[in-house]
């Protein structure tokens, strides 16, 4: 059975866990480095970085010593899905970081936080992706303003890039877990099985 580690420091953890388990995956909550890997190697086959408050998650990653182990696992090829704040955490560059905010710098994109407006402007939307149509939720969503070589655009909203993939890293500006949209999590599990 595929085990997916869900970063569980802050944000929409429960919804990702529920969706992954509905697809037959086992989940593990990641809060400290030993949740990610132990003396016998990796404890998880894939990773999910959920939405929430990106600057808060960044501070907690550093506080709990999880920032570098997580970045190393992603750079090492662990299939990873980042949603909303998770996309910001993955990005190499953040245009408008909070004071002192850092990112993991593992996905060669530039992002702008809260690009689709405040929480009052939240919405559900239908998107076209290479893997088929997807119904997702946008909540204080970021946008991708620049992509590096080797980054594939997966989705656009109103002409703006909201989903990207580079190798085994997928970053999306929206929340598929809030609409029970399985497309992105299903692909993550497929990549995890293929990389074993």
Foldseek 3Di string as FASTA:
>chain_A
DAEEEEADPFDDRVLVCVLLVVVPYHYFYDQALVSQADPVGGPHLAYEYEDDDLQVSQVSCVVRVNLVVVLVVVLVPRQYEYEASGLVQQELEEPDDDVPGDHSNNFDFYKYWLPQHAQVSKDWDWWQFPQGIAIWIAHSFMFTDDHDPQKAQGTDDPNTGAWIDHRRYIYGRTGRSVVSTCRVVVVSVVSSVVVD
